[in-house]
Amino acid sequence: MKPQHTDGHVIHWAWLYDSVLRVTTLGQEQSLRRQTIELAELRPGQRILDIGCGTGTLLILAAQAVPGIRAQGIDPSPEMIERARQKAVEAGVETSFEVGAIEKLDFETETVDVVMCSLMLHHLPTRTLHDGLVEILRVLKPGGRLVVIDFPGPGPMLHRLSAVLSRGRPPTRHVVEVLEQLHTLGFTSVVRGRPKPGFLFSVVARKPD
């Protein structure tokens, strides 16, 4: 597998990622993932796309929680995709993981029911965030849902340190910017929440019918 070009920060240390995430979520990663799945309101037969899927934990849990969904995940890091595929096999669930980037989704227009972005938008510069949300709006079916859970600022210290070491600059993202772009692009029913742990934010938005 070759890495997918993206202007966002790419994490290649998949072997350590799950451990780091447990620390940065204060041991509440599983609870956080289940909250994300609840917000997504998944139903059998739906096509679900997890963008920036990392090592696949969220999508695997979704496939286990709602049998019959078509679960697909993308990440620009081949290391993450390889680990996600291994975990899916170990879990015995049917999922698809492919290398891909948010600003150029390899999906046909209006073919996805739900898009999930968990703990990844803070890795994107402003232009990439905009381009990625445009792509999400394109691939979602009318009435389709976008579920975002992320850090309200630039992310925890471990993420920022990783970005500095690999790119020379930390990611800069703020919840206000995400909300502004969603409204500007025409997403509706935008609802902001505060999942546990309480230092995160959630956003659920909808593509107009």
C-alpha atoms as a PDB file:
ATOM      1  CA  MET A   1       0.000   0.000   0.000  1.00  0.00           C
ATOM      2  CA  LYS A   2       1.147   3.513  -0.820  1.00  0.00           C
ATOM      3  CA  PRO A   3       0.291   6.512   1.365  1.00  0.00           C
ATOM      4  CA  GLN A   4      -2.432   8.828   0.060  1.00  0.00           C
ATOM      5  CA  HIS A   5      -1.383  12.442  -0.397  1.00  0.00           C
ATOM      6  CA  THR A   6      -3.088  14.820   1.981  1.00  0.00           C
ATOM      7  CA  ASP A   7      -2.279  18.261   3.335  1.00  0.00           C
ATOM      8  CA  GLY A   8      -3.387  17.074   6.769  1.00  0.00           C
ATOM      9  CA  HIS A   9      -1.118  15.508   9.369  1.00  0.00           C
ATOM     10  CA  VAL A  10      -0.614  11.756   8.831  1.00  0.00           C
ATOM     11  CA  ILE A  11       0.189   9.402  11.722  1.00  0.00           C
ATOM     12  CA  HIS A  12       2.369   6.448  10.767  1.00  0.00           C
ATOM     13  CA  TRP A  13       2.980   4.920  14.201  1.00  0.00           C
ATOM     14  CA  ALA A  14      -0.021   2.591  14.116  1.00  0.00           C
ATOM     15  CA  TRP A  15       1.674   0.147  16.493  1.00  0.00           C
ATOM     16  CA  LEU A  16       1.475   2.763  19.266  1.00  0.00           C
ATOM     17  CA  TYR A  17      -1.705   4.611  18.316  1.00  0.00           C
ATOM     18  CA  ASP A  18      -4.212   2.630  20.397  1.00  0.00           C
ATOM     19  CA  SER A  19      -2.107   3.030  23.524  1.00  0.00           C
ATOM     20  CA  VAL A  20      -1.718   6.774  22.966  1.00  0.00           C
ATOM     21  CA  LEU A  21      -5.460   7.138  22.406  1.00  0.00           C
ATOM     22  CA  ARG A  22      -6.237   5.346  25.655  1.00  0.00           C
ATOM     23  CA  VAL A  23      -4.066   7.881  27.465  1.00  0.00           C
ATOM     24  CA  THR A  24      -5.434  10.969  25.673  1.00  0.00           C
ATOM     25  CA  THR A  25      -9.059   9.886  26.290  1.00  0.00           C
ATOM     26  CA  LEU A  26      -8.328   9.096  29.936  1.00  0.00           C
ATOM     27  CA  GLY A  27      -9.120   5.433  29.407  1.00  0.00           C
ATOM     28  CA  GLN A  28     -12.566   6.179  27.978  1.00  0.00           C
ATOM     29  CA  GLU A  29     -11.957   5.339  24.314  1.00  0.00           C
ATOM     30  CA  GLN A  30     -14.474   2.468  24.203  1.00  0.00           C
ATOM     31  CA  SER A  31     -17.158   4.622  25.809  1.00  0.00           C
ATOM     32  CA  LEU A  32     -16.369   7.445  23.395  1.00  0.00           C
ATOM     33  CA  ARG A  33     -16.628   5.132  20.397  1.00  0.00           C
ATOM     34  CA  ARG A  34     -20.011   3.839  21.560  1.00  0.00           C
ATOM     35  CA  GLN A  35     -21.276   7.395  22.027  1.00  0.00           C
ATOM     36  CA  THR A  36     -20.214   8.130  18.447  1.00  0.00           C
ATOM     37  CA  ILE A  37     -22.157   5.111  17.200  1.00  0.00           C
ATOM     38  CA  GLU A  38     -25.246   6.210  19.127  1.00  0.00           C
ATOM     39  CA  LEU A  39     -25.046   9.700  17.603  1.00  0.00           C
ATOM     40  CA  ALA A  40     -24.775   8.171  14.135  1.00  0.00           C
ATOM     41  CA  GLU A  41     -28.104   6.327  14.554  1.00  0.00           C
ATOM     42  CA  LEU A  42     -26.947   3.507  12.303  1.00  0.00           C
ATOM     43  CA  ARG A  43     -29.411   1.094  10.712  1.00  0.00           C
ATOM     44  CA  PRO A  44     -28.923  -2.217   8.890  1.00  0.00           C
ATOM     45  CA  GLY A  45     -28.422  -1.773   5.161  1.00  0.00           C
ATOM     46  CA  GLN A  46     -26.802   1.646   5.461  1.00  0.00           C
ATOM     47  CA  ARG A  47     -23.435   2.494   3.946  1.00  0.00           C
ATOM     48  CA  ILE A  48     -21.142   3.940   6.613  1.00  0.00           C
ATOM     49  CA  LEU A  49     -17.881   5.773   5.912  1.00  0.00           C
ATOM     50  CA  ASP A  50     -15.345   6.388   8.676  1.00  0.00           C
ATOM     51  CA  ILE A  51     -12.885   9.052   7.472  1.00  0.00           C
ATOM     52  CA  GLY A  52      -9.526   9.042   9.214  1.00  0.00           C
ATOM     53  CA  CYS A  53     -10.381   5.631  10.615  1.00  0.00           C
ATOM     54  CA  GLY A  54      -6.982   5.080  12.227  1.00  0.00           C
ATOM     55  CA  THR A  55      -6.635   1.500  13.440  1.00  0.00           C
ATOM     56  CA  GLY A  56     -10.319   0.810  12.823  1.00  0.00           C
ATOM     57  CA  THR A  57     -11.701   0.577  16.361  1.00  0.00           C
ATOM     58  CA  LEU A  58     -14.773   2.752  15.736  1.00  0.00           C
ATOM     59  CA  LEU A  59     -15.819   1.034  12.513  1.00  0.00           C
ATOM     60  CA  ILE A  60     -15.304  -2.453  13.945  1.00  0.00           C
ATOM     61  CA  LEU A  61     -17.480  -1.606  16.953  1.00  0.00           C
ATOM     62  CA  ALA A  62     -20.116  -0.147  14.618  1.00  0.00           C
ATOM     63  CA  ALA A  63     -20.165  -3.342  12.534  1.00  0.00           C
ATOM     64  CA  GLN A  64     -20.556  -5.389  15.714  1.00  0.00           C
ATOM     65  CA  ALA A  65     -23.292  -3.145  17.110  1.00  0.00           C
ATOM     66  CA  VAL A  66     -25.365  -2.948  13.927  1.00  0.00           C
ATOM     67  CA  PRO A  67     -25.087  -6.120  11.822  1.00  0.00           C
ATOM     68  CA  GLY A  68     -25.935  -5.571   8.182  1.00  0.00           C
ATOM     69  CA  ILE A  69     -24.329  -2.163   7.714  1.00  0.00           C
ATOM     70  CA  ARG A  70     -21.821  -1.681   4.917  1.00  0.00           C
ATOM     71  CA  ALA A  71     -18.851  -0.462   6.918  1.00  0.00           C
ATOM     72  CA  GLN A  72     -15.992   1.266   5.097  1.00  0.00           C
ATOM     73  CA  GLY A  73     -13.037   3.179   6.480  1.00  0.00           C
ATOM     74  CA  ILE A  74     -10.266   5.256   4.929  1.00  0.00           C
ATOM     75  CA  ASP A  75      -7.029   6.713   6.245  1.00  0.00           C
ATOM     76  CA  PRO A  76      -4.048   8.226   4.390  1.00  0.00           C
ATOM     77  CA  SER A  77      -1.656   6.093   6.450  1.00  0.00           C
ATOM     78  CA  PRO A  78      -0.950   2.580   5.089  1.00  0.00           C
ATOM     79  CA  GLU A  79       0.254   1.563   8.534  1.00  0.00           C
ATOM     80  CA  MET A  80      -3.120   2.459  10.035  1.00  0.00           C
ATOM     81  CA  ILE A  81      -5.017   0.597   7.318  1.00  0.00           C
ATOM     82  CA  GLU A  82      -2.896  -2.529   7.727  1.00  0.00           C
ATOM     83  CA  ARG A  83      -3.521  -2.546  11.475  1.00  0.00           C
ATOM     84  CA  ALA A  84      -7.248  -1.889  10.985  1.00  0.00           C
ATOM     85  CA  ARG A  85      -7.546  -4.842   8.627  1.00  0.00           C
ATOM     86  CA  GLN A  86      -5.777  -7.084  11.127  1.00  0.00           C
ATOM     87  CA  LYS A  87      -8.110  -6.000  13.917  1.00  0.00           C
ATOM     88  CA  ALA A  88     -11.195  -6.605  11.755  1.00  0.00           C
ATOM     89  CA  VAL A  89     -10.053 -10.151  11.008  1.00  0.00           C
ATOM     90  CA  GLU A  90      -9.388 -10.762  14.697  1.00  0.00           C
ATOM     91  CA  ALA A  91     -12.853  -9.420  15.550  1.00  0.00           C
ATOM     92  CA  GLY A  92     -14.504 -11.517  12.857  1.00  0.00           C
ATOM     93  CA  VAL A  93     -16.468  -8.638  11.335  1.00  0.00           C
ATOM     94  CA  GLU A  94     -16.962  -7.674   7.704  1.00  0.00           C
ATOM     95  CA  THR A  95     -15.467  -4.260   7.025  1.00  0.00           C
ATOM     96  CA  SER A  96     -13.502  -2.580   4.252  1.00  0.00           C
ATOM     97  CA  PHE A  97     -10.420  -0.470   4.969  1.00  0.00           C
ATOM     98  CA  GLU A  98      -8.604   1.418   2.206  1.00  0.00           C
ATOM     99  CA  VAL A  99      -5.933   4.104   1.947  1.00  0.00           C
ATOM    100  CA  GLY A 100      -7.604   7.429   1.183  1.00  0.00           C
ATOM    101  CA  ALA A 101      -7.761  11.103   2.106  1.00  0.00           C
ATOM    102  CA  ILE A 102     -10.649  13.348   3.095  1.00  0.00           C
ATOM    103  CA  GLU A 103     -10.062  15.981   0.403  1.00  0.00           C
ATOM    104  CA  LYS A 104     -10.407  13.486  -2.443  1.00  0.00           C
ATOM    105  CA  LEU A 105     -12.908  10.772  -1.557  1.00  0.00           C
ATOM    106  CA  ASP A 106     -13.014   7.837  -3.965  1.00  0.00           C
ATOM    107  CA  PHE A 107     -16.780   7.418  -3.634  1.00  0.00           C
ATOM    108  CA  GLU A 108     -19.565   8.192  -6.047  1.00  0.00           C
ATOM    109  CA  THR A 109     -21.862  11.153  -5.407  1.00  0.00           C
ATOM    110  CA  GLU A 110     -24.760  10.617  -2.982  1.00  0.00           C
ATOM    111  CA  THR A 111     -23.939   7.007  -2.114  1.00  0.00           C
ATOM    112  CA  VAL A 112     -23.142   7.191   1.618  1.00  0.00           C
ATOM    113  CA  ASP A 113     -25.732   7.267   4.428  1.00  0.00           C
ATOM    114  CA  VAL A 114     -23.495   8.240   7.355  1.00  0.00           C
ATOM    115  CA  VAL A 115     -19.995   9.744   7.571  1.00  0.00           C
ATOM    116  CA  MET A 116     -18.085   9.600  10.840  1.00  0.00           C
ATOM    117  CA  CYS A 117     -14.986  11.704  11.632  1.00  0.00           C
ATOM    118  CA  SER A 118     -13.584  10.828  15.021  1.00  0.00           C
ATOM    119  CA  LEU A 119     -10.588  12.636  16.535  1.00  0.00           C
ATOM    120  CA  MET A 120      -9.176  13.629  13.137  1.00  0.00           C
ATOM    121  CA  LEU A 121     -10.408  17.045  11.966  1.00  0.00           C
ATOM    122  CA  HIS A 122      -7.883  18.779  14.226  1.00  0.00           C
ATOM    123  CA  HIS A 123      -5.167  17.320  11.980  1.00  0.00           C
ATOM    124  CA  LEU A 124      -6.346  19.388   8.993  1.00  0.00           C
ATOM    125  CA  PRO A 125      -5.334  22.887   7.907  1.00  0.00           C
ATOM    126  CA  THR A 126      -8.199  25.239   7.108  1.00  0.00           C
ATOM    127  CA  ARG A 127      -8.228  24.681   3.338  1.00  0.00           C
ATOM    128  CA  THR A 128      -8.148  20.905   3.725  1.00  0.00           C
ATOM    129  CA  LEU A 129     -10.984  21.033   6.248  1.00  0.00           C
ATOM    130  CA  HIS A 130     -13.066  23.004   3.742  1.00  0.00           C
ATOM    131  CA  ASP A 131     -12.249  20.688   0.842  1.00  0.00           C
ATOM    132  CA  GLY A 132     -12.951  17.642   2.999  1.00  0.00           C
ATOM    133  CA  LEU A 133     -16.357  18.903   4.098  1.00  0.00           C
ATOM    134  CA  VAL A 134     -17.217  19.686   0.470  1.00  0.00           C
ATOM    135  CA  GLU A 135     -16.361  16.084  -0.419  1.00  0.00           C
ATOM    136  CA  ILE A 136     -18.411  14.750   2.488  1.00  0.00           C
ATOM    137  CA  LEU A 137     -21.386  16.806   1.364  1.00  0.00           C
ATOM    138  CA  ARG A 138     -20.957  15.400  -2.141  1.00  0.00           C
ATOM    139  CA  VAL A 139     -20.857  11.712  -1.185  1.00  0.00           C
ATOM    140  CA  LEU A 140     -23.666  11.861   1.391  1.00  0.00           C
ATOM    141  CA  LYS A 141     -27.141  10.927   0.258  1.00  0.00           C
ATOM    142  CA  PRO A 142     -29.833  13.594   0.723  1.00  0.00           C
ATOM    143  CA  GLY A 143     -30.719  13.485   4.408  1.00  0.00           C
ATOM    144  CA  GLY A 144     -27.422  11.741   5.206  1.00  0.00           C
ATOM    145  CA  ARG A 145     -25.671  12.435   8.496  1.00  0.00           C
ATOM    146  CA  LEU A 146     -22.196  13.625   9.444  1.00  0.00           C
ATOM    147  CA  VAL A 147     -20.998  12.818  12.962  1.00  0.00           C
ATOM    148  CA  VAL A 148     -17.884  14.545  14.290  1.00  0.00           C
ATOM    149  CA  ILE A 149     -16.164  14.040  17.627  1.00  0.00           C
ATOM    150  CA  ASP A 150     -12.936  15.902  18.248  1.00  0.00           C
ATOM    151  CA  PHE A 151     -10.838  18.108  20.465  1.00  0.00           C
ATOM    152  CA  PRO A 152     -12.096  21.708  20.677  1.00  0.00           C
ATOM    153  CA  GLY A 153      -8.596  23.083  20.100  1.00  0.00           C
ATOM    154  CA  PRO A 154      -5.385  21.868  18.456  1.00  0.00           C
ATOM    155  CA  GLY A 155      -5.445  18.487  20.193  1.00  0.00           C
ATOM    156  CA  PRO A 156      -3.610  17.019  23.181  1.00  0.00           C
ATOM    157  CA  MET A 157       0.113  17.436  23.732  1.00  0.00           C
ATOM    158  CA  LEU A 158       1.040  14.020  22.324  1.00  0.00           C
ATOM    159  CA  HIS A 159      -0.727  14.790  19.049  1.00  0.00           C
ATOM    160  CA  ARG A 160       0.837  18.239  18.818  1.00  0.00           C
ATOM    161  CA  LEU A 161       4.308  16.893  19.556  1.00  0.00           C
ATOM    162  CA  SER A 162       3.862  14.241  16.871  1.00  0.00           C
ATOM    163  CA  ALA A 163       2.867  16.904  14.350  1.00  0.00           C
ATOM    164  CA  VAL A 164       5.825  19.124  15.200  1.00  0.00           C
ATOM    165  CA  LEU A 165       8.276  16.245  14.837  1.00  0.00           C
ATOM    166  CA  SER A 166       6.882  15.043  11.518  1.00  0.00           C
ATOM    167  CA  ARG A 167       5.655  18.235   9.834  1.00  0.00           C
ATOM    168  CA  GLY A 168       7.298  21.090  11.671  1.00  0.00           C
ATOM    169  CA  ARG A 169       3.993  22.649  12.773  1.00  0.00           C
ATOM    170  CA  PRO A 170       1.109  21.565  15.002  1.00  0.00           C
ATOM    171  CA  PRO A 171      -2.411  21.187  13.609  1.00  0.00           C
ATOM    172  CA  THR A 172      -4.753  24.086  14.316  1.00  0.00           C
ATOM    173  CA  ARG A 173      -8.442  23.375  14.577  1.00  0.00           C
ATOM    174  CA  HIS A 174     -11.210  24.843  16.663  1.00  0.00           C
ATOM    175  CA  VAL A 175     -14.822  23.803  17.077  1.00  0.00           C
ATOM    176  CA  VAL A 176     -16.027  27.265  16.046  1.00  0.00           C
ATOM    177  CA  GLU A 177     -14.316  26.942  12.668  1.00  0.00           C
ATOM    178  CA  VAL A 178     -15.876  23.514  12.088  1.00  0.00           C
ATOM    179  CA  LEU A 179     -19.347  24.848  12.872  1.00  0.00           C
ATOM    180  CA  GLU A 180     -18.870  27.917  10.667  1.00  0.00           C
ATOM    181  CA  GLN A 181     -17.814  25.827   7.691  1.00  0.00           C
ATOM    182  CA  LEU A 182     -20.709  23.386   8.140  1.00  0.00           C
ATOM    183  CA  HIS A 183     -23.209  26.252   8.100  1.00  0.00           C
ATOM    184  CA  THR A 184     -21.491  27.971   5.157  1.00  0.00           C
ATOM    185  CA  LEU A 185     -21.551  24.800   3.054  1.00  0.00           C
ATOM    186  CA  GLY A 186     -25.233  24.236   3.667  1.00  0.00           C
ATOM    187  CA  PHE A 187     -25.347  21.445   6.231  1.00  0.00           C
ATOM    188  CA  THR A 188     -28.539  21.603   8.288  1.00  0.00           C
ATOM    189  CA  SER A 189     -29.727  20.398  11.699  1.00  0.00           C
ATOM    190  CA  VAL A 190     -26.278  21.106  13.103  1.00  0.00           C
ATOM    191  CA  VAL A 191     -26.273  20.083  16.749  1.00  0.00           C
ATOM    192  CA  ARG A 192     -23.293  20.504  19.033  1.00  0.00           C
ATOM    193  CA  GLY A 193     -22.796  18.300  22.082  1.00  0.00           C
ATOM    194  CA  ARG A 194     -20.233  17.411  24.720  1.00  0.00           C
ATOM    195  CA  PRO A 195     -19.519  13.691  24.980  1.00  0.00           C
ATOM    196  CA  LYS A 196     -17.489  12.123  27.763  1.00  0.00           C
ATOM    197  CA  PRO A 197     -14.693  12.789  28.476  1.00  0.00           C
ATOM    198  CA  GLY A 198     -15.933  16.361  28.768  1.00  0.00           C
ATOM    199  CA  PHE A 199     -12.977  18.039  27.069  1.00  0.00           C
ATOM    200  CA  LEU A 200     -14.196  16.824  23.667  1.00  0.00           C
ATOM    201  CA  PHE A 201     -16.996  18.135  21.451  1.00  0.00           C
ATOM    202  CA  SER A 202     -19.473  16.425  19.145  1.00  0.00           C
ATOM    203  CA  VAL A 203     -21.294  17.753  16.107  1.00  0.00           C
ATOM    204  CA  VAL A 204     -24.094  16.052  14.218  1.00  0.00           C
ATOM    205  CA  ALA A 205     -25.064  17.631  10.900  1.00  0.00           C
ATOM    206  CA  ARG A 206     -27.302  16.648   8.032  1.00  0.00           C
ATOM    207  CA  LYS A 207     -27.244  17.025   4.262  1.00  0.00           C
ATOM    208  CA  PRO A 208     -30.463  18.699   3.103  1.00  0.00           C
ATOM    209  CA  ASP A 209     -33.043  16.455   1.414  1.00  0.00           C
END
